[in-house]
Amino acid sequence: MRLAPGFPTGSTFRLARTALLLSALAAAPAWAADAAAAKTAAKVSADAGPALDAKPPVEAKPAAKPGRDGDSAGAAQAAVSKNGDPQVRAQLDALGYKYQVDEDGDFVLTFGLDEKRSQMAYVLSRTQRFGSLKVREIWSPAYRTADGGALPAPIANRLLEDGQLSKLGGWVSQDGVAVFVVKIDADAPNHTLDDAIDYAVRAADQMEAELTPGQDDF
């Protein structure tokens, strides 16, 4: 993963391709309730060297996900292998990423951004179709409400403003969590998937730092 040209970040750094050892939760509400404890990230040097140490492993996963390939969420989930999409697995392996496959068959990654911050990302195995299009989603969470309810109006408006400036992707709200989502061709080559993960992670972490200064829940 590399620094995306023109991406608005604070300090210059390179995302480390380091391991997240993340167990999936069977309980769906953990996405909103336990996300503060939901990652382990290797701290990295500014030169993106190997991991120096790691945050304690913890667990989280989104509640319900929209249906894929025209099915309901439940039917789509049942159709996905617990080992995840073999195409995504092969691509992540080729890119040198470490990952965990959660209970829904989606790939969970955490990246160390610098010595203080890290950020989660999900590469979904399920795809969506519209006409001739087949789309894969990359998710990265940035904010959650205390009660899992609707996002406060000022937060929602800020996310809409940010989405207007985004080169890739935009914001969605699910179970009180604001998630940055990038959608790409499901058969996109490795470098496209790499760029999509890169952008999603940076966009989400930057917004998390803005909305909740001093916190790093995701």
N, C-alpha and C. Protein backbone atom coordinates (compact mmCIF):
# COMPACT_ATOMS: atom_id res chain seq x y z
N MET A 1 0.84 -1.18 0.00
CA MET A 1 0.00 0.00 0.00
C MET A 1 0.87 1.23 0.00
N ARG A 2 0.44 2.24 -0.72
CA ARG A 2 1.27 3.41 -0.87
C ARG A 2 0.47 4.66 -0.57
N LEU A 3 1.18 5.76 -0.38
CA LEU A 3 0.51 7.02 -0.17
C LEU A 3 -0.19 7.43 -1.44
N ALA A 4 -1.50 7.69 -1.36
CA ALA A 4 -2.26 8.06 -2.54
C ALA A 4 -1.95 9.49 -2.94
N PRO A 5 -1.51 9.74 -4.18
CA PRO A 5 -1.19 11.10 -4.61
C PRO A 5 -2.38 12.02 -4.42
N GLY A 6 -2.13 13.17 -3.82
CA GLY A 6 -3.18 14.16 -3.67
C GLY A 6 -4.13 13.90 -2.53
N PHE A 7 -3.93 12.81 -1.80
CA PHE A 7 -4.84 12.53 -0.69
C PHE A 7 -4.51 13.45 0.48
N PRO A 8 -5.50 14.13 1.06
CA PRO A 8 -5.24 15.09 2.13
C PRO A 8 -4.96 14.41 3.45
N THR A 9 -3.70 14.30 3.80
CA THR A 9 -3.32 13.72 5.08
C THR A 9 -2.49 14.73 5.85
N GLY A 10 -2.28 14.42 7.16
CA GLY A 10 -1.45 15.30 7.97
C GLY A 10 0.00 15.07 7.66
N SER A 11 0.61 14.13 8.39
CA SER A 11 2.02 13.82 8.14
C SER A 11 2.11 12.78 7.04
N THR A 12 3.26 12.72 6.37
CA THR A 12 3.47 11.73 5.32
C THR A 12 3.89 10.43 5.95
N PHE A 13 3.19 9.39 5.60
CA PHE A 13 3.53 8.07 6.10
C PHE A 13 3.10 7.03 5.10
N ARG A 14 3.53 5.80 5.32
CA ARG A 14 3.17 4.71 4.43
C ARG A 14 2.51 3.63 5.26
N LEU A 15 1.38 3.13 4.79
CA LEU A 15 0.67 2.09 5.55
C LEU A 15 1.50 0.82 5.57
N ALA A 16 1.61 0.23 6.74
CA ALA A 16 2.35 -1.03 6.85
C ALA A 16 1.44 -2.19 6.53
N ARG A 17 1.97 -3.17 5.80
CA ARG A 17 1.18 -4.38 5.53
C ARG A 17 1.44 -5.35 6.66
N THR A 18 0.72 -5.14 7.74
CA THR A 18 0.97 -5.90 8.96
C THR A 18 -0.27 -6.66 9.37
N ALA A 19 -0.06 -7.61 10.29
CA ALA A 19 -1.14 -8.55 10.59
C ALA A 19 -2.11 -7.99 11.60
N LEU A 20 -3.36 -8.24 11.36
CA LEU A 20 -4.42 -8.08 12.36
C LEU A 20 -4.90 -9.47 12.74
N LEU A 21 -4.73 -9.82 14.02
CA LEU A 21 -5.30 -11.09 14.48
C LEU A 21 -6.62 -10.75 15.13
N LEU A 22 -7.69 -10.91 14.37
CA LEU A 22 -9.01 -10.45 14.80
C LEU A 22 -10.00 -11.60 14.74
N SER A 23 -10.63 -11.93 15.86
CA SER A 23 -11.64 -12.99 15.85
C SER A 23 -12.98 -12.38 15.52
N ALA A 24 -13.79 -13.12 14.81
CA ALA A 24 -15.13 -12.65 14.45
C ALA A 24 -16.09 -12.93 15.59
N LEU A 25 -17.05 -12.06 15.77
CA LEU A 25 -18.07 -12.25 16.79
C LEU A 25 -19.29 -12.93 16.20
N ALA A 26 -19.89 -13.80 16.95
CA ALA A 26 -21.15 -14.37 16.50
C ALA A 26 -22.29 -13.38 16.72
N ALA A 27 -22.14 -12.50 17.72
CA ALA A 27 -23.22 -11.56 18.02
C ALA A 27 -23.13 -10.37 17.08
N ALA A 28 -24.19 -10.11 16.33
CA ALA A 28 -24.19 -9.06 15.34
C ALA A 28 -24.01 -7.66 15.92
N PRO A 29 -24.63 -7.31 17.08
CA PRO A 29 -24.54 -5.93 17.56
C PRO A 29 -23.15 -5.49 17.94
N ALA A 30 -22.16 -6.35 17.92
CA ALA A 30 -20.82 -5.98 18.35
C ALA A 30 -20.23 -4.85 17.52
N TRP A 31 -20.68 -4.69 16.27
CA TRP A 31 -20.14 -3.62 15.42
C TRP A 31 -20.31 -2.27 16.12
N ALA A 32 -21.49 -2.02 16.70
CA ALA A 32 -21.72 -0.74 17.35
C ALA A 32 -21.26 -0.75 18.79
N ALA A 33 -21.43 -1.89 19.48
CA ALA A 33 -21.21 -1.91 20.92
C ALA A 33 -19.75 -2.07 21.28
N ASP A 34 -19.02 -2.89 20.54
CA ASP A 34 -17.67 -3.23 20.95
C ASP A 34 -16.58 -2.72 20.03
N ALA A 35 -16.91 -1.84 19.11
CA ALA A 35 -15.91 -1.43 18.12
C ALA A 35 -14.75 -0.69 18.75
N ALA A 36 -14.96 -0.10 19.93
CA ALA A 36 -13.85 0.61 20.56
C ALA A 36 -12.72 -0.35 20.87
N ALA A 37 -13.09 -1.62 21.08
CA ALA A 37 -12.07 -2.62 21.37
C ALA A 37 -11.77 -3.47 20.17
N ALA A 38 -12.08 -3.00 18.99
CA ALA A 38 -12.20 -3.88 17.84
C ALA A 38 -11.00 -4.00 16.95
N LYS A 39 -9.82 -3.74 17.40
CA LYS A 39 -8.70 -3.89 16.50
C LYS A 39 -7.42 -4.14 17.24
N THR A 40 -6.48 -4.67 16.51
CA THR A 40 -5.10 -4.73 16.96
C THR A 40 -4.26 -4.30 15.79
N ALA A 41 -3.36 -3.37 16.00
CA ALA A 41 -2.60 -2.86 14.87
C ALA A 41 -1.13 -2.83 15.22
N ALA A 42 -0.30 -3.22 14.30
CA ALA A 42 1.13 -3.13 14.52
C ALA A 42 1.57 -1.71 14.32
N LYS A 43 2.33 -1.20 15.29
CA LYS A 43 2.91 0.12 15.11
C LYS A 43 4.07 0.02 14.15
N VAL A 44 4.23 1.04 13.34
CA VAL A 44 5.26 0.97 12.31
C VAL A 44 6.08 2.23 12.30
N SER A 45 7.24 2.14 11.71
CA SER A 45 8.10 3.30 11.56
C SER A 45 7.63 4.13 10.39
N ALA A 46 8.14 5.33 10.27
CA ALA A 46 7.77 6.19 9.16
C ALA A 46 8.18 5.60 7.83
N ASP A 47 9.11 4.68 7.85
CA ASP A 47 9.57 4.03 6.63
C ASP A 47 8.80 2.76 6.32
N ALA A 48 7.74 2.52 7.06
CA ALA A 48 6.88 1.35 6.84
C ALA A 48 7.66 0.06 6.96
N GLY A 49 8.43 -0.06 8.02
CA GLY A 49 9.16 -1.28 8.26
C GLY A 49 8.27 -2.30 8.92
N PRO A 50 8.83 -3.41 9.41
CA PRO A 50 8.02 -4.44 10.05
C PRO A 50 7.41 -3.96 11.35
N ALA A 51 6.40 -4.66 11.79
CA ALA A 51 5.70 -4.27 13.00
C ALA A 51 6.63 -4.25 14.19
N LEU A 52 6.44 -3.23 15.05
CA LEU A 52 7.25 -3.13 16.24
C LEU A 52 6.54 -3.74 17.44
N ASP A 53 5.28 -3.44 17.58
CA ASP A 53 4.47 -4.08 18.62
C ASP A 53 3.03 -4.00 18.18
N ALA A 54 2.14 -4.53 18.98
CA ALA A 54 0.75 -4.60 18.56
C ALA A 54 -0.18 -4.24 19.69
N LYS A 55 -1.33 -3.68 19.34
CA LYS A 55 -2.36 -3.42 20.33
C LYS A 55 -3.07 -4.72 20.69
N PRO A 56 -3.64 -4.82 21.90
CA PRO A 56 -4.30 -6.07 22.29
C PRO A 56 -5.40 -6.44 21.31
N PRO A 57 -5.50 -7.72 20.94
CA PRO A 57 -6.55 -8.13 20.00
C PRO A 57 -7.92 -8.07 20.63
N VAL A 58 -8.88 -7.55 19.89
CA VAL A 58 -10.25 -7.48 20.34
C VAL A 58 -11.16 -7.74 19.14
N GLU A 59 -12.47 -7.69 19.34
CA GLU A 59 -13.37 -8.21 18.34
C GLU A 59 -14.46 -7.22 17.96
N ALA A 60 -14.92 -7.29 16.69
CA ALA A 60 -16.07 -6.52 16.26
C ALA A 60 -16.48 -6.92 14.88
N LYS A 61 -17.73 -6.66 14.54
CA LYS A 61 -18.23 -6.92 13.19
C LYS A 61 -19.53 -6.18 13.03
N PRO A 62 -19.83 -5.74 11.81
CA PRO A 62 -21.08 -5.03 11.59
C PRO A 62 -22.28 -5.92 11.87
N ALA A 63 -23.39 -5.29 12.15
CA ALA A 63 -24.62 -6.04 12.41
C ALA A 63 -25.13 -6.64 11.12
N ALA A 64 -26.17 -6.09 10.52
CA ALA A 64 -26.70 -6.61 9.27
C ALA A 64 -25.98 -5.96 8.10
N LYS A 65 -25.84 -6.69 7.01
CA LYS A 65 -25.27 -6.14 5.80
C LYS A 65 -26.31 -6.24 4.69
N PRO A 66 -26.29 -5.31 3.74
CA PRO A 66 -27.27 -5.39 2.67
C PRO A 66 -27.09 -6.64 1.84
N GLY A 67 -28.18 -7.09 1.22
CA GLY A 67 -28.13 -8.28 0.40
C GLY A 67 -27.20 -8.11 -0.78
N ARG A 68 -26.62 -9.20 -1.23
CA ARG A 68 -25.69 -9.17 -2.36
C ARG A 68 -26.23 -10.04 -3.48
N ASP A 69 -25.92 -9.66 -4.70
CA ASP A 69 -26.32 -10.43 -5.87
C ASP A 69 -27.83 -10.67 -5.92
N GLY A 70 -28.58 -9.67 -5.44
CA GLY A 70 -30.03 -9.74 -5.54
C GLY A 70 -30.71 -10.55 -4.47
N ASP A 71 -29.97 -11.09 -3.52
CA ASP A 71 -30.56 -11.89 -2.46
C ASP A 71 -30.77 -11.06 -1.22
N SER A 72 -31.52 -11.62 -0.27
CA SER A 72 -31.63 -10.99 1.04
C SER A 72 -30.30 -11.16 1.75
N ALA A 73 -30.09 -10.37 2.80
CA ALA A 73 -28.82 -10.44 3.52
C ALA A 73 -28.55 -11.85 4.03
N GLY A 74 -29.60 -12.51 4.58
CA GLY A 74 -29.41 -13.84 5.13
C GLY A 74 -29.06 -14.85 4.07
N ALA A 75 -29.77 -14.81 2.94
CA ALA A 75 -29.51 -15.77 1.87
C ALA A 75 -28.14 -15.55 1.27
N ALA A 76 -27.76 -14.28 1.12
CA ALA A 76 -26.45 -13.99 0.54
C ALA A 76 -25.34 -14.48 1.46
N GLN A 77 -25.54 -14.28 2.77
CA GLN A 77 -24.52 -14.72 3.71
C GLN A 77 -24.35 -16.23 3.65
N ALA A 78 -25.49 -16.95 3.53
CA ALA A 78 -25.42 -18.41 3.51
C ALA A 78 -24.67 -18.92 2.29
N ALA A 79 -24.68 -18.11 1.21
CA ALA A 79 -24.06 -18.54 -0.03
C ALA A 79 -22.56 -18.29 -0.05
N VAL A 80 -22.05 -17.57 0.93
CA VAL A 80 -20.62 -17.22 0.96
C VAL A 80 -19.86 -18.23 1.81
N SER A 81 -18.77 -18.71 1.29
CA SER A 81 -17.94 -19.64 2.04
C SER A 81 -17.38 -18.97 3.28
N LYS A 82 -17.29 -19.73 4.36
CA LYS A 82 -16.70 -19.20 5.58
C LYS A 82 -15.22 -18.89 5.39
N ASN A 83 -14.63 -19.42 4.34
CA ASN A 83 -13.24 -19.12 4.04
C ASN A 83 -13.08 -17.86 3.20
N GLY A 84 -14.19 -17.24 2.82
CA GLY A 84 -14.14 -16.03 2.04
C GLY A 84 -13.98 -16.30 0.55
N ASP A 85 -14.13 -15.24 -0.23
CA ASP A 85 -13.98 -15.34 -1.68
C ASP A 85 -12.55 -15.72 -2.02
N PRO A 86 -12.32 -16.85 -2.70
CA PRO A 86 -10.95 -17.26 -3.03
C PRO A 86 -10.22 -16.24 -3.91
N GLN A 87 -10.97 -15.51 -4.71
CA GLN A 87 -10.34 -14.48 -5.54
C GLN A 87 -9.75 -13.37 -4.67
N VAL A 88 -10.52 -12.92 -3.67
CA VAL A 88 -10.03 -11.88 -2.77
C VAL A 88 -8.84 -12.40 -1.97
N ARG A 89 -8.95 -13.63 -1.49
CA ARG A 89 -7.85 -14.22 -0.72
C ARG A 89 -6.56 -14.22 -1.55
N ALA A 90 -6.65 -14.64 -2.80
CA ALA A 90 -5.48 -14.70 -3.66
C ALA A 90 -4.90 -13.30 -3.88
N GLN A 91 -5.78 -12.31 -4.05
CA GLN A 91 -5.31 -10.95 -4.27
C GLN A 91 -4.62 -10.38 -3.04
N LEU A 92 -5.22 -10.58 -1.87
CA LEU A 92 -4.60 -10.07 -0.64
C LEU A 92 -3.26 -10.76 -0.38
N ASP A 93 -3.19 -12.05 -0.66
CA ASP A 93 -1.93 -12.78 -0.50
C ASP A 93 -0.87 -12.22 -1.45
N ALA A 94 -1.27 -11.96 -2.68
CA ALA A 94 -0.33 -11.44 -3.67
C ALA A 94 0.16 -10.04 -3.28
N LEU A 95 -0.71 -9.27 -2.61
CA LEU A 95 -0.34 -7.93 -2.18
C LEU A 95 0.47 -7.94 -0.88
N GLY A 96 0.58 -9.10 -0.26
CA GLY A 96 1.37 -9.20 0.96
C GLY A 96 0.63 -8.80 2.22
N TYR A 97 -0.70 -8.75 2.17
CA TYR A 97 -1.48 -8.36 3.33
C TYR A 97 -1.71 -9.54 4.27
N LYS A 98 -1.75 -9.23 5.56
CA LYS A 98 -2.19 -10.17 6.57
C LYS A 98 -3.64 -9.86 6.89
N TYR A 99 -4.43 -10.88 7.15
CA TYR A 99 -5.85 -10.66 7.35
C TYR A 99 -6.45 -11.78 8.17
N GLN A 100 -7.67 -11.55 8.61
CA GLN A 100 -8.48 -12.57 9.28
C GLN A 100 -9.80 -12.64 8.53
N VAL A 101 -10.36 -13.83 8.37
CA VAL A 101 -11.66 -13.99 7.74
C VAL A 101 -12.70 -14.12 8.85
N ASP A 102 -13.71 -13.27 8.82
CA ASP A 102 -14.69 -13.26 9.90
C ASP A 102 -15.80 -14.28 9.64
N GLU A 103 -16.79 -14.29 10.52
CA GLU A 103 -17.86 -15.28 10.46
C GLU A 103 -18.72 -15.16 9.19
N ASP A 104 -18.69 -14.00 8.55
CA ASP A 104 -19.46 -13.80 7.33
C ASP A 104 -18.66 -14.09 6.08
N GLY A 105 -17.41 -14.52 6.25
CA GLY A 105 -16.56 -14.78 5.10
C GLY A 105 -15.93 -13.54 4.52
N ASP A 106 -15.94 -12.43 5.28
CA ASP A 106 -15.32 -11.19 4.82
C ASP A 106 -13.91 -11.07 5.40
N PHE A 107 -13.06 -10.33 4.71
CA PHE A 107 -11.66 -10.21 5.10
C PHE A 107 -11.45 -8.95 5.93
N VAL A 108 -10.85 -9.13 7.11
CA VAL A 108 -10.65 -8.05 8.06
C VAL A 108 -9.17 -7.75 8.16
N LEU A 109 -8.82 -6.46 8.00
CA LEU A 109 -7.43 -6.05 8.05
C LEU A 109 -7.31 -4.85 8.99
N THR A 110 -6.15 -4.70 9.61
CA THR A 110 -5.86 -3.48 10.37
C THR A 110 -4.47 -3.01 9.99
N PHE A 111 -4.36 -1.71 9.77
CA PHE A 111 -3.08 -1.12 9.35
C PHE A 111 -2.59 -0.14 10.40
N GLY A 112 -1.29 -0.17 10.68
CA GLY A 112 -0.66 0.84 11.50
C GLY A 112 -0.33 2.04 10.63
N LEU A 113 -0.86 3.21 11.00
CA LEU A 113 -0.62 4.41 10.21
C LEU A 113 0.61 5.17 10.66
N ASP A 114 0.83 5.17 11.94
CA ASP A 114 2.04 5.75 12.52
C ASP A 114 2.18 5.15 13.91
N GLU A 115 2.97 5.78 14.76
CA GLU A 115 3.20 5.20 16.08
C GLU A 115 1.99 5.32 16.99
N LYS A 116 1.00 6.12 16.62
CA LYS A 116 -0.13 6.36 17.50
C LYS A 116 -1.46 5.87 16.96
N ARG A 117 -1.62 5.78 15.65
CA ARG A 117 -2.93 5.49 15.08
C ARG A 117 -2.90 4.24 14.22
N SER A 118 -4.05 3.57 14.17
CA SER A 118 -4.24 2.42 13.30
C SER A 118 -5.67 2.46 12.80
N GLN A 119 -5.97 1.66 11.79
CA GLN A 119 -7.29 1.73 11.18
C GLN A 119 -7.70 0.38 10.60
N MET A 120 -8.97 0.03 10.81
CA MET A 120 -9.54 -1.21 10.31
C MET A 120 -10.08 -1.06 8.89
N ALA A 121 -10.12 -2.17 8.18
CA ALA A 121 -10.78 -2.21 6.87
C ALA A 121 -11.38 -3.60 6.68
N TYR A 122 -12.47 -3.65 5.93
CA TYR A 122 -13.12 -4.90 5.57
C TYR A 122 -13.18 -4.98 4.05
N VAL A 123 -12.76 -6.10 3.49
CA VAL A 123 -12.98 -6.37 2.07
C VAL A 123 -14.08 -7.43 2.01
N LEU A 124 -15.23 -7.07 1.50
CA LEU A 124 -16.37 -7.97 1.51
C LEU A 124 -16.25 -9.04 0.43
N SER A 125 -16.58 -10.25 0.80
CA SER A 125 -16.59 -11.34 -0.16
C SER A 125 -17.82 -11.28 -1.06
N ARG A 126 -18.97 -10.94 -0.46
CA ARG A 126 -20.20 -10.85 -1.25
C ARG A 126 -20.12 -9.67 -2.21
N THR A 127 -20.76 -9.79 -3.34
CA THR A 127 -20.77 -8.74 -4.34
C THR A 127 -22.20 -8.29 -4.61
N GLN A 128 -22.32 -7.16 -5.27
CA GLN A 128 -23.61 -6.63 -5.69
C GLN A 128 -23.64 -6.56 -7.21
N ARG A 129 -24.83 -6.74 -7.77
CA ARG A 129 -24.98 -6.68 -9.22
C ARG A 129 -26.03 -5.64 -9.61
N PHE A 130 -25.77 -4.99 -10.73
CA PHE A 130 -26.77 -4.16 -11.37
C PHE A 130 -26.49 -4.23 -12.87
N GLY A 131 -27.42 -4.84 -13.61
CA GLY A 131 -27.19 -5.02 -15.03
C GLY A 131 -25.91 -5.82 -15.27
N SER A 132 -25.02 -5.27 -16.05
CA SER A 132 -23.76 -5.95 -16.35
C SER A 132 -22.69 -5.70 -15.30
N LEU A 133 -22.99 -4.86 -14.30
CA LEU A 133 -22.00 -4.48 -13.30
C LEU A 133 -21.98 -5.46 -12.13
N LYS A 134 -20.80 -5.78 -11.68
CA LYS A 134 -20.60 -6.60 -10.49
C LYS A 134 -19.60 -5.86 -9.60
N VAL A 135 -20.04 -5.52 -8.42
CA VAL A 135 -19.31 -4.57 -7.57
C VAL A 135 -18.91 -5.21 -6.25
N ARG A 136 -17.68 -4.90 -5.81
CA ARG A 136 -17.21 -5.32 -4.49
C ARG A 136 -17.01 -4.08 -3.62
N GLU A 137 -17.27 -4.24 -2.32
CA GLU A 137 -17.16 -3.11 -1.40
C GLU A 137 -15.97 -3.28 -0.46
N ILE A 138 -15.31 -2.15 -0.16
CA ILE A 138 -14.29 -2.07 0.88
C ILE A 138 -14.81 -1.08 1.92
N TRP A 139 -14.88 -1.52 3.16
CA TRP A 139 -15.44 -0.72 4.25
C TRP A 139 -14.34 -0.30 5.22
N SER A 140 -14.50 0.91 5.79
CA SER A 140 -13.63 1.33 6.89
C SER A 140 -14.43 2.26 7.80
N PRO A 141 -14.65 1.89 9.07
CA PRO A 141 -15.48 2.68 9.98
C PRO A 141 -14.72 3.87 10.56
N ALA A 142 -15.49 4.90 10.95
CA ALA A 142 -14.83 6.12 11.46
C ALA A 142 -15.50 6.71 12.70
N TYR A 143 -16.77 6.43 12.89
CA TYR A 143 -17.49 7.09 13.99
C TYR A 143 -18.66 6.21 14.39
N ARG A 144 -18.98 6.20 15.68
CA ARG A 144 -20.17 5.49 16.13
C ARG A 144 -20.89 6.29 17.21
N THR A 145 -22.18 6.17 17.23
CA THR A 145 -22.98 6.83 18.26
C THR A 145 -22.94 6.00 19.53
N ALA A 146 -23.25 6.64 20.64
CA ALA A 146 -23.18 5.94 21.93
C ALA A 146 -24.28 4.89 22.06
N ASP A 147 -25.44 5.14 21.42
CA ASP A 147 -26.58 4.24 21.61
C ASP A 147 -26.91 3.42 20.38
N GLY A 148 -26.10 3.52 19.32
CA GLY A 148 -26.39 2.77 18.11
C GLY A 148 -27.52 3.37 17.28
N GLY A 149 -27.94 4.58 17.64
CA GLY A 149 -29.03 5.23 16.92
C GLY A 149 -28.53 6.05 15.74
N ALA A 150 -29.39 6.95 15.28
CA ALA A 150 -29.07 7.77 14.12
C ALA A 150 -27.89 8.70 14.42
N LEU A 151 -27.14 9.01 13.37
CA LEU A 151 -26.02 9.94 13.53
C LEU A 151 -26.55 11.33 13.84
N PRO A 152 -25.89 12.07 14.72
CA PRO A 152 -26.30 13.46 14.97
C PRO A 152 -26.25 14.27 13.68
N ALA A 153 -27.15 15.23 13.53
CA ALA A 153 -27.23 16.02 12.31
C ALA A 153 -25.90 16.69 11.93
N PRO A 154 -25.18 17.29 12.88
CA PRO A 154 -23.90 17.93 12.49
C PRO A 154 -22.90 16.91 11.94
N ILE A 155 -22.89 15.71 12.52
CA ILE A 155 -21.97 14.66 12.03
C ILE A 155 -22.38 14.22 10.63
N ALA A 156 -23.68 13.97 10.46
CA ALA A 156 -24.18 13.53 9.16
C ALA A 156 -23.89 14.57 8.08
N ASN A 157 -24.08 15.84 8.41
CA ASN A 157 -23.81 16.90 7.44
C ASN A 157 -22.34 16.99 7.11
N ARG A 158 -21.50 16.78 8.10
CA ARG A 158 -20.05 16.83 7.84
C ARG A 158 -19.64 15.69 6.90
N LEU A 159 -20.23 14.52 7.09
CA LEU A 159 -19.91 13.38 6.23
C LEU A 159 -20.39 13.63 4.80
N LEU A 160 -21.55 14.26 4.66
CA LEU A 160 -22.03 14.59 3.32
C LEU A 160 -21.09 15.57 2.64
N GLU A 161 -20.62 16.55 3.38
CA GLU A 161 -19.68 17.52 2.82
C GLU A 161 -18.39 16.83 2.38
N ASP A 162 -17.92 15.92 3.21
CA ASP A 162 -16.69 15.20 2.89
C ASP A 162 -16.88 14.32 1.66
N GLY A 163 -18.04 13.68 1.55
CA GLY A 163 -18.30 12.82 0.41
C GLY A 163 -18.26 13.57 -0.90
N GLN A 164 -18.67 14.85 -0.88
CA GLN A 164 -18.66 15.64 -2.10
C GLN A 164 -17.23 15.86 -2.61
N LEU A 165 -16.26 15.85 -1.71
CA LEU A 165 -14.87 16.08 -2.08
C LEU A 165 -14.09 14.79 -2.32
N SER A 166 -14.71 13.66 -2.04
CA SER A 166 -13.99 12.39 -2.10
C SER A 166 -13.70 11.99 -3.54
N LYS A 167 -12.48 11.54 -3.78
CA LYS A 167 -12.11 11.01 -5.10
C LYS A 167 -12.75 9.64 -5.32
N LEU A 168 -12.85 8.87 -4.24
CA LEU A 168 -13.40 7.51 -4.30
C LEU A 168 -14.33 7.31 -3.13
N GLY A 169 -15.46 6.67 -3.37
CA GLY A 169 -16.30 6.24 -2.28
C GLY A 169 -17.07 7.35 -1.59
N GLY A 170 -17.76 6.98 -0.53
CA GLY A 170 -18.57 7.90 0.24
C GLY A 170 -18.98 7.28 1.55
N TRP A 171 -19.77 8.02 2.31
CA TRP A 171 -20.14 7.61 3.66
C TRP A 171 -21.51 6.97 3.71
N VAL A 172 -21.64 5.94 4.54
CA VAL A 172 -22.92 5.32 4.83
C VAL A 172 -23.07 5.22 6.34
N SER A 173 -24.31 5.06 6.80
CA SER A 173 -24.58 4.89 8.22
C SER A 173 -25.25 3.56 8.43
N GLN A 174 -24.72 2.78 9.36
CA GLN A 174 -25.31 1.48 9.67
C GLN A 174 -25.20 1.20 11.16
N ASP A 175 -26.35 1.02 11.80
CA ASP A 175 -26.38 0.71 13.23
C ASP A 175 -25.60 1.73 14.05
N GLY A 176 -25.73 2.99 13.70
CA GLY A 176 -25.07 4.05 14.45
C GLY A 176 -23.60 4.20 14.16
N VAL A 177 -23.11 3.53 13.13
CA VAL A 177 -21.69 3.62 12.76
C VAL A 177 -21.57 4.27 11.39
N ALA A 178 -20.72 5.27 11.28
CA ALA A 178 -20.42 5.90 10.00
C ALA A 178 -19.27 5.13 9.35
N VAL A 179 -19.50 4.64 8.15
CA VAL A 179 -18.53 3.79 7.46
C VAL A 179 -18.21 4.39 6.09
N PHE A 180 -16.93 4.49 5.79
CA PHE A 180 -16.53 4.93 4.46
C PHE A 180 -16.48 3.70 3.56
N VAL A 181 -17.15 3.77 2.42
CA VAL A 181 -17.27 2.63 1.52
C VAL A 181 -16.76 2.99 0.13
N VAL A 182 -15.83 2.19 -0.35
CA VAL A 182 -15.35 2.30 -1.72
C VAL A 182 -15.87 1.10 -2.49
N LYS A 183 -16.45 1.33 -3.67
CA LYS A 183 -16.98 0.25 -4.51
C LYS A 183 -16.14 0.16 -5.78
N ILE A 184 -15.70 -1.05 -6.08
CA ILE A 184 -14.89 -1.28 -7.27
C ILE A 184 -15.44 -2.47 -8.05
N ASP A 185 -14.98 -2.62 -9.28
CA ASP A 185 -15.33 -3.80 -10.06
C ASP A 185 -14.90 -5.04 -9.29
N ALA A 186 -15.80 -6.01 -9.16
CA ALA A 186 -15.49 -7.20 -8.38
C ALA A 186 -14.31 -7.98 -8.96
N ASP A 187 -14.04 -7.79 -10.24
CA ASP A 187 -12.92 -8.48 -10.88
C ASP A 187 -11.74 -7.55 -11.13
N ALA A 188 -11.68 -6.45 -10.39
CA ALA A 188 -10.60 -5.48 -10.57
C ALA A 188 -9.25 -6.12 -10.25
N PRO A 189 -8.18 -5.68 -10.92
CA PRO A 189 -6.85 -6.24 -10.67
C PRO A 189 -6.31 -5.87 -9.29
N ASN A 190 -5.22 -6.51 -8.93
CA ASN A 190 -4.65 -6.33 -7.59
C ASN A 190 -4.37 -4.87 -7.26
N HIS A 191 -3.79 -4.13 -8.21
CA HIS A 191 -3.39 -2.75 -7.89
C HIS A 191 -4.61 -1.87 -7.64
N THR A 192 -5.75 -2.19 -8.28
CA THR A 192 -6.96 -1.42 -8.03
C THR A 192 -7.51 -1.71 -6.65
N LEU A 193 -7.52 -2.97 -6.25
CA LEU A 193 -7.95 -3.32 -4.90
C LEU A 193 -7.04 -2.66 -3.87
N ASP A 194 -5.75 -2.66 -4.13
CA ASP A 194 -4.77 -2.04 -3.24
C ASP A 194 -5.07 -0.56 -3.06
N ASP A 195 -5.32 0.15 -4.17
CA ASP A 195 -5.62 1.58 -4.09
C ASP A 195 -6.92 1.83 -3.34
N ALA A 196 -7.92 0.97 -3.55
CA ALA A 196 -9.21 1.15 -2.89
C ALA A 196 -9.08 0.98 -1.37
N ILE A 197 -8.34 -0.04 -0.96
CA ILE A 197 -8.11 -0.24 0.48
C ILE A 197 -7.36 0.95 1.05
N ASP A 198 -6.32 1.37 0.35
CA ASP A 198 -5.49 2.50 0.78
C ASP A 198 -6.36 3.74 1.02
N TYR A 199 -7.18 4.06 0.04
CA TYR A 199 -7.99 5.27 0.14
C TYR A 199 -9.02 5.16 1.26
N ALA A 200 -9.70 4.03 1.35
CA ALA A 200 -10.73 3.86 2.37
C ALA A 200 -10.15 4.00 3.77
N VAL A 201 -9.00 3.37 4.01
CA VAL A 201 -8.37 3.42 5.32
C VAL A 201 -7.97 4.84 5.69
N ARG A 202 -7.37 5.55 4.76
CA ARG A 202 -6.92 6.91 5.04
C ARG A 202 -8.10 7.86 5.23
N ALA A 203 -9.11 7.73 4.38
CA ALA A 203 -10.27 8.60 4.49
C ALA A 203 -10.97 8.41 5.84
N ALA A 204 -11.15 7.15 6.25
CA ALA A 204 -11.85 6.87 7.50
C ALA A 204 -11.05 7.33 8.71
N ASP A 205 -9.75 7.06 8.71
CA ASP A 205 -8.95 7.45 9.87
C ASP A 205 -8.87 8.97 9.99
N GLN A 206 -8.76 9.65 8.87
CA GLN A 206 -8.72 11.11 8.92
C GLN A 206 -10.01 11.67 9.48
N MET A 207 -11.14 11.10 9.08
CA MET A 207 -12.42 11.59 9.59
C MET A 207 -12.59 11.22 11.06
N GLU A 208 -12.16 10.04 11.46
CA GLU A 208 -12.24 9.66 12.87
C GLU A 208 -11.45 10.64 13.73
N ALA A 209 -10.25 10.99 13.27
CA ALA A 209 -9.41 11.92 14.03
C ALA A 209 -10.07 13.30 14.13
N GLU A 210 -10.80 13.68 13.09
CA GLU A 210 -11.48 14.98 13.11
C GLU A 210 -12.69 14.98 14.01
N LEU A 211 -13.49 13.93 13.94
CA LEU A 211 -14.75 13.89 14.69
C LEU A 211 -14.56 13.53 16.16
N THR A 212 -13.54 12.73 16.46
CA THR A 212 -13.30 12.32 17.85
C THR A 212 -11.81 12.52 18.18
N PRO A 213 -11.41 13.79 18.35
CA PRO A 213 -9.99 14.09 18.61
C PRO A 213 -9.45 13.32 19.80
N GLY A 214 -8.27 12.75 19.63
CA GLY A 214 -7.63 12.03 20.72
C GLY A 214 -8.08 10.60 20.87
N GLN A 215 -9.06 10.17 20.08
CA GLN A 215 -9.54 8.79 20.16
C GLN A 215 -9.12 8.02 18.91
N ASP A 216 -9.04 6.71 19.06
CA ASP A 216 -8.70 5.84 17.93
C ASP A 216 -9.42 4.50 18.13
N ASP A 217 -10.75 4.55 18.06
CA ASP A 217 -11.55 3.36 18.34
C ASP A 217 -11.50 2.33 17.22
N PHE A 218 -11.24 2.80 16.00
CA PHE A 218 -11.26 1.90 14.86
C PHE A 218 -9.88 1.70 14.28
